[in-house]
Amino acid sequence: MCISDFSNCELVALASTIAIALSKELSKEDLSVLSGFFSAIGDNLAILSS
């Protein structure tokens, strides 16, 4: 199954589920670093796709 096979609602639900699961396992500091890291990945993917 490809990520493009998911509907918009399913992608939002998946992202929310992952975020909630991570928030239970990591400290606030680790979540902050991971948030920045994922933002950087998203920014790079956007650049590569254009």
PDB file of N, CA and C in Angstrom:
ATOM      1  N   MET A   1       0.848  -1.177   0.000  1.00  0.00           N
ATOM      2  CA  MET A   1       0.000   0.000   0.000  1.00  0.00           C
ATOM      3  C   MET A   1       0.896   1.244   0.000  1.00  0.00           C
ATOM      4  N   CYS A   2       0.561   2.190  -0.855  1.00  0.00           N
ATOM      5  CA  CYS A   2       1.299   3.452  -0.955  1.00  0.00           C
ATOM      6  C   CYS A   2       0.615   4.526  -0.116  1.00  0.00           C
ATOM      7  N   ILE A   3       1.386   5.535   0.252  1.00  0.00           N
ATOM      8  CA  ILE A   3       0.828   6.642   1.032  1.00  0.00           C
ATOM      9  C   ILE A   3      -0.261   7.359   0.231  1.00  0.00           C
ATOM     10  N   SER A   4      -0.159   7.331  -1.104  1.00  0.00           N
ATOM     11  CA  SER A   4      -1.168   7.995  -1.932  1.00  0.00           C
ATOM     12  C   SER A   4      -2.495   7.237  -1.957  1.00  0.00           C
ATOM     13  N   ASP A   5      -2.500   6.016  -1.439  1.00  0.00           N
ATOM     14  CA  ASP A   5      -3.741   5.245  -1.368  1.00  0.00           C
ATOM     15  C   ASP A   5      -4.644   5.692  -0.218  1.00  0.00           C
ATOM     16  N   PHE A   6      -4.090   6.450   0.727  1.00  0.00           N
ATOM     17  CA  PHE A   6      -4.862   6.920   1.866  1.00  0.00           C
ATOM     18  C   PHE A   6      -5.671   8.162   1.489  1.00  0.00           C
ATOM     19  N   SER A   7      -6.858   8.300   2.063  1.00  0.00           N
ATOM     20  CA  SER A   7      -7.645   9.520   1.867  1.00  0.00           C
ATOM     21  C   SER A   7      -7.071  10.621   2.763  1.00  0.00           C
ATOM     22  N   ASN A   8      -7.504  11.849   2.524  1.00  0.00           N
ATOM     23  CA  ASN A   8      -7.047  12.968   3.356  1.00  0.00           C
ATOM     24  C   ASN A   8      -7.372  12.738   4.828  1.00  0.00           C
ATOM     25  N   CYS A   9      -8.576  12.265   5.090  1.00  0.00           N
ATOM     26  CA  CYS A   9      -8.998  12.013   6.473  1.00  0.00           C
ATOM     27  C   CYS A   9      -8.159  10.919   7.122  1.00  0.00           C
ATOM     28  N   GLU A  10      -7.825   9.894   6.367  1.00  0.00           N
ATOM     29  CA  GLU A  10      -7.000   8.810   6.905  1.00  0.00           C
ATOM     30  C   GLU A  10      -5.591   9.293   7.221  1.00  0.00           C
ATOM     31  N   LEU A  11      -5.057  10.167   6.379  1.00  0.00           N
ATOM     32  CA  LEU A  11      -3.720  10.709   6.635  1.00  0.00           C
ATOM     33  C   LEU A  11      -3.707  11.572   7.893  1.00  0.00           C
ATOM     34  N   VAL A  12      -4.742  12.382   8.077  1.00  0.00           N
ATOM     35  CA  VAL A  12      -4.845  13.207   9.286  1.00  0.00           C
ATOM     36  C   VAL A  12      -4.953  12.319  10.515  1.00  0.00           C
ATOM     37  N   ALA A  13      -5.758  11.279  10.437  1.00  0.00           N
ATOM     38  CA  ALA A  13      -5.918  10.356  11.562  1.00  0.00           C
ATOM     39  C   ALA A  13      -4.610   9.634  11.867  1.00  0.00           C
ATOM     40  N   LEU A  14      -3.893   9.215  10.841  1.00  0.00           N
ATOM     41  CA  LEU A  14      -2.607   8.540  11.032  1.00  0.00           C
ATOM     42  C   LEU A  14      -1.597   9.477  11.691  1.00  0.00           C
ATOM     43  N   ALA A  15      -1.507  10.707  11.188  1.00  0.00           N
ATOM     44  CA  ALA A  15      -0.579  11.681  11.762  1.00  0.00           C
ATOM     45  C   ALA A  15      -0.910  11.967  13.224  1.00  0.00           C
ATOM     46  N   SER A  16      -2.184  12.116  13.523  1.00  0.00           N
ATOM     47  CA  SER A  16      -2.609  12.375  14.898  1.00  0.00           C
ATOM     48  C   SER A  16      -2.285  11.201  15.812  1.00  0.00           C
ATOM     49  N   THR A  17      -2.531   9.998  15.333  1.00  0.00           N
ATOM     50  CA  THR A  17      -2.253   8.799  16.122  1.00  0.00           C
ATOM     51  C   THR A  17      -0.772   8.679  16.433  1.00  0.00           C
ATOM     52  N   ILE A  18       0.063   8.927  15.429  1.00  0.00           N
ATOM     53  CA  ILE A  18       1.513   8.853  15.642  1.00  0.00           C
ATOM     54  C   ILE A  18       1.967   9.932  16.621  1.00  0.00           C
ATOM     55  N   ALA A  19       1.453  11.149  16.471  1.00  0.00           N
ATOM     56  CA  ALA A  19       1.833  12.244  17.367  1.00  0.00           C
ATOM     57  C   ALA A  19       1.444  11.940  18.811  1.00  0.00           C
ATOM     58  N   ILE A  20       0.254  11.401  19.006  1.00  0.00           N
ATOM     59  CA  ILE A  20      -0.199  11.072  20.357  1.00  0.00           C
ATOM     60  C   ILE A  20       0.661   9.963  20.952  1.00  0.00           C
ATOM     61  N   ALA A  21       0.966   8.938  20.148  1.00  0.00           N
ATOM     62  CA  ALA A  21       1.795   7.835  20.636  1.00  0.00           C
ATOM     63  C   ALA A  21       3.187   8.322  21.026  1.00  0.00           C
ATOM     64  N   LEU A  22       3.778   9.193  20.201  1.00  0.00           N
ATOM     65  CA  LEU A  22       5.108   9.727  20.514  1.00  0.00           C
ATOM     66  C   LEU A  22       5.077  10.604  21.760  1.00  0.00           C
ATOM     67  N   SER A  23       4.005  11.371  21.923  1.00  0.00           N
ATOM     68  CA  SER A  23       3.940  12.292  23.060  1.00  0.00           C
ATOM     69  C   SER A  23       3.892  11.547  24.390  1.00  0.00           C
ATOM     70  N   LYS A  24       3.429  10.316  24.374  1.00  0.00           N
ATOM     71  CA  LYS A  24       3.367   9.528  25.604  1.00  0.00           C
ATOM     72  C   LYS A  24       4.716   8.914  25.960  1.00  0.00           C
ATOM     73  N   GLU A  25       5.606   8.784  24.974  1.00  0.00           N
ATOM     74  CA  GLU A  25       6.879   8.091  25.177  1.00  0.00           C
ATOM     75  C   GLU A  25       8.079   9.024  25.311  1.00  0.00           C
ATOM     76  N   LEU A  26       7.948  10.286  24.879  1.00  0.00           N
ATOM     77  CA  LEU A  26       9.100  11.187  24.842  1.00  0.00           C
ATOM     78  C   LEU A  26       8.905  12.384  25.771  1.00  0.00           C
ATOM     79  N   SER A  27      10.023  12.961  26.186  1.00  0.00           N
ATOM     80  CA  SER A  27       9.968  14.163  27.017  1.00  0.00           C
ATOM     81  C   SER A  27       9.594  15.364  26.146  1.00  0.00           C
ATOM     82  N   LYS A  28       9.242  16.475  26.793  1.00  0.00           N
ATOM     83  CA  LYS A  28       8.900  17.697  26.047  1.00  0.00           C
ATOM     84  C   LYS A  28      10.077  18.178  25.213  1.00  0.00           C
ATOM     85  N   GLU A  29      11.280  18.049  25.762  1.00  0.00           N
ATOM     86  CA  GLU A  29      12.479  18.466  25.036  1.00  0.00           C
ATOM     87  C   GLU A  29      12.690  17.599  23.795  1.00  0.00           C
ATOM     88  N   ASP A  30      12.527  16.286  23.959  1.00  0.00           N
ATOM     89  CA  ASP A  30      12.684  15.383  22.820  1.00  0.00           C
ATOM     90  C   ASP A  30      11.608  15.632  21.770  1.00  0.00           C
ATOM     91  N   LEU A  31      10.393  15.903  22.209  1.00  0.00           N
ATOM     92  CA  LEU A  31       9.314  16.204  21.263  1.00  0.00           C
ATOM     93  C   LEU A  31       9.606  17.476  20.481  1.00  0.00           C
ATOM     94  N   SER A  32      10.190  18.449  21.141  1.00  0.00           N
ATOM     95  CA  SER A  32      10.532  19.697  20.469  1.00  0.00           C
ATOM     96  C   SER A  32      11.581  19.464  19.387  1.00  0.00           C
ATOM     97  N   VAL A  33      12.596  18.680  19.705  1.00  0.00           N
ATOM     98  CA  VAL A  33      13.635  18.360  18.719  1.00  0.00           C
ATOM     99  C   VAL A  33      13.044  17.561  17.565  1.00  0.00           C
ATOM    100  N   LEU A  34      12.222  16.569  17.878  1.00  0.00           N
ATOM    101  CA  LEU A  34      11.616  15.742  16.850  1.00  0.00           C
ATOM    102  C   LEU A  34      10.681  16.559  15.960  1.00  0.00           C
ATOM    103  N   SER A  35       9.971  17.511  16.551  1.00  0.00           N
ATOM    104  CA  SER A  35       9.089  18.389  15.786  1.00  0.00           C
ATOM    105  C   SER A  35       9.887  19.184  14.753  1.00  0.00           C
ATOM    106  N   GLY A  36      10.985  19.753  15.181  1.00  0.00           N
ATOM    107  CA  GLY A  36      11.841  20.493  14.251  1.00  0.00           C
ATOM    108  C   GLY A  36      12.421  19.610  13.165  1.00  0.00           C
ATOM    109  N   PHE A  37      12.792  18.392  13.557  1.00  0.00           N
ATOM    110  CA  PHE A  37      13.347  17.434  12.605  1.00  0.00           C
ATOM    111  C   PHE A  37      12.321  17.075  11.535  1.00  0.00           C
ATOM    112  N   PHE A  38      11.092  16.766  11.945  1.00  0.00           N
ATOM    113  CA  PHE A  38      10.051  16.431  10.983  1.00  0.00           C
ATOM    114  C   PHE A  38       9.679  17.630  10.116  1.00  0.00           C
ATOM    115  N   SER A  39       9.742  18.825  10.673  1.00  0.00           N
ATOM    116  CA  SER A  39       9.491  20.030   9.863  1.00  0.00           C
ATOM    117  C   SER A  39      10.553  20.170   8.783  1.00  0.00           C
ATOM    118  N   ALA A  40      11.802  19.904   9.144  1.00  0.00           N
ATOM    119  CA  ALA A  40      12.895  19.976   8.172  1.00  0.00           C
ATOM    120  C   ALA A  40      12.707  18.930   7.069  1.00  0.00           C
ATOM    121  N   ILE A  41      12.282  17.735   7.448  1.00  0.00           N
ATOM    122  CA  ILE A  41      12.007  16.692   6.445  1.00  0.00           C
ATOM    123  C   ILE A  41      10.902  17.171   5.505  1.00  0.00           C
ATOM    124  N   GLY A  42       9.823  17.704   6.073  1.00  0.00           N
ATOM    125  CA  GLY A  42       8.704  18.185   5.257  1.00  0.00           C
ATOM    126  C   GLY A  42       9.136  19.300   4.302  1.00  0.00           C
ATOM    127  N   ASP A  43       9.949  20.223   4.799  1.00  0.00           N
ATOM    128  CA  ASP A  43      10.429  21.314   3.962  1.00  0.00           C
ATOM    129  C   ASP A  43      11.281  20.774   2.809  1.00  0.00           C
ATOM    130  N   ASN A  44      12.154  19.838   3.110  1.00  0.00           N
ATOM    131  CA  ASN A  44      13.011  19.256   2.067  1.00  0.00           C
ATOM    132  C   ASN A  44      12.200  18.468   1.046  1.00  0.00           C
ATOM    133  N   LEU A  45      11.196  17.743   1.499  1.00  0.00           N
ATOM    134  CA  LEU A  45      10.336  17.017   0.565  1.00  0.00           C
ATOM    135  C   LEU A  45       9.591  17.984  -0.359  1.00  0.00           C
ATOM    136  N   ALA A  46       9.137  19.099   0.188  1.00  0.00           N
ATOM    137  CA  ALA A  46       8.450  20.099  -0.628  1.00  0.00           C
ATOM    138  C   ALA A  46       9.396  20.680  -1.688  1.00  0.00           C
ATOM    139  N   ILE A  47      10.625  20.944  -1.306  1.00  0.00           N
ATOM    140  CA  ILE A  47      11.605  21.472  -2.261  1.00  0.00           C
ATOM    141  C   ILE A  47      11.883  20.446  -3.357  1.00  0.00           C
ATOM    142  N   LEU A  48      12.066  19.194  -2.970  1.00  0.00           N
ATOM    143  CA  LEU A  48      12.365  18.151  -3.937  1.00  0.00           C
ATOM    144  C   LEU A  48      11.209  17.884  -4.900  1.00  0.00           C
ATOM    145  N   SER A  49       9.991  18.087  -4.435  1.00  0.00           N
ATOM    146  CA  SER A  49       8.838  17.820  -5.287  1.00  0.00           C
ATOM    147  C   SER A  49       8.563  18.929  -6.296  1.00  0.00           C
ATOM    148  N   SER A  50       9.188  20.087  -6.103  1.00  0.00           N
ATOM    149  CA  SER A  50       8.928  21.198  -7.031  1.00  0.00           C
ATOM    150  C   SER A  50       9.912  21.253  -8.169  1.00  0.00           C
TER     151      SER A  50
END
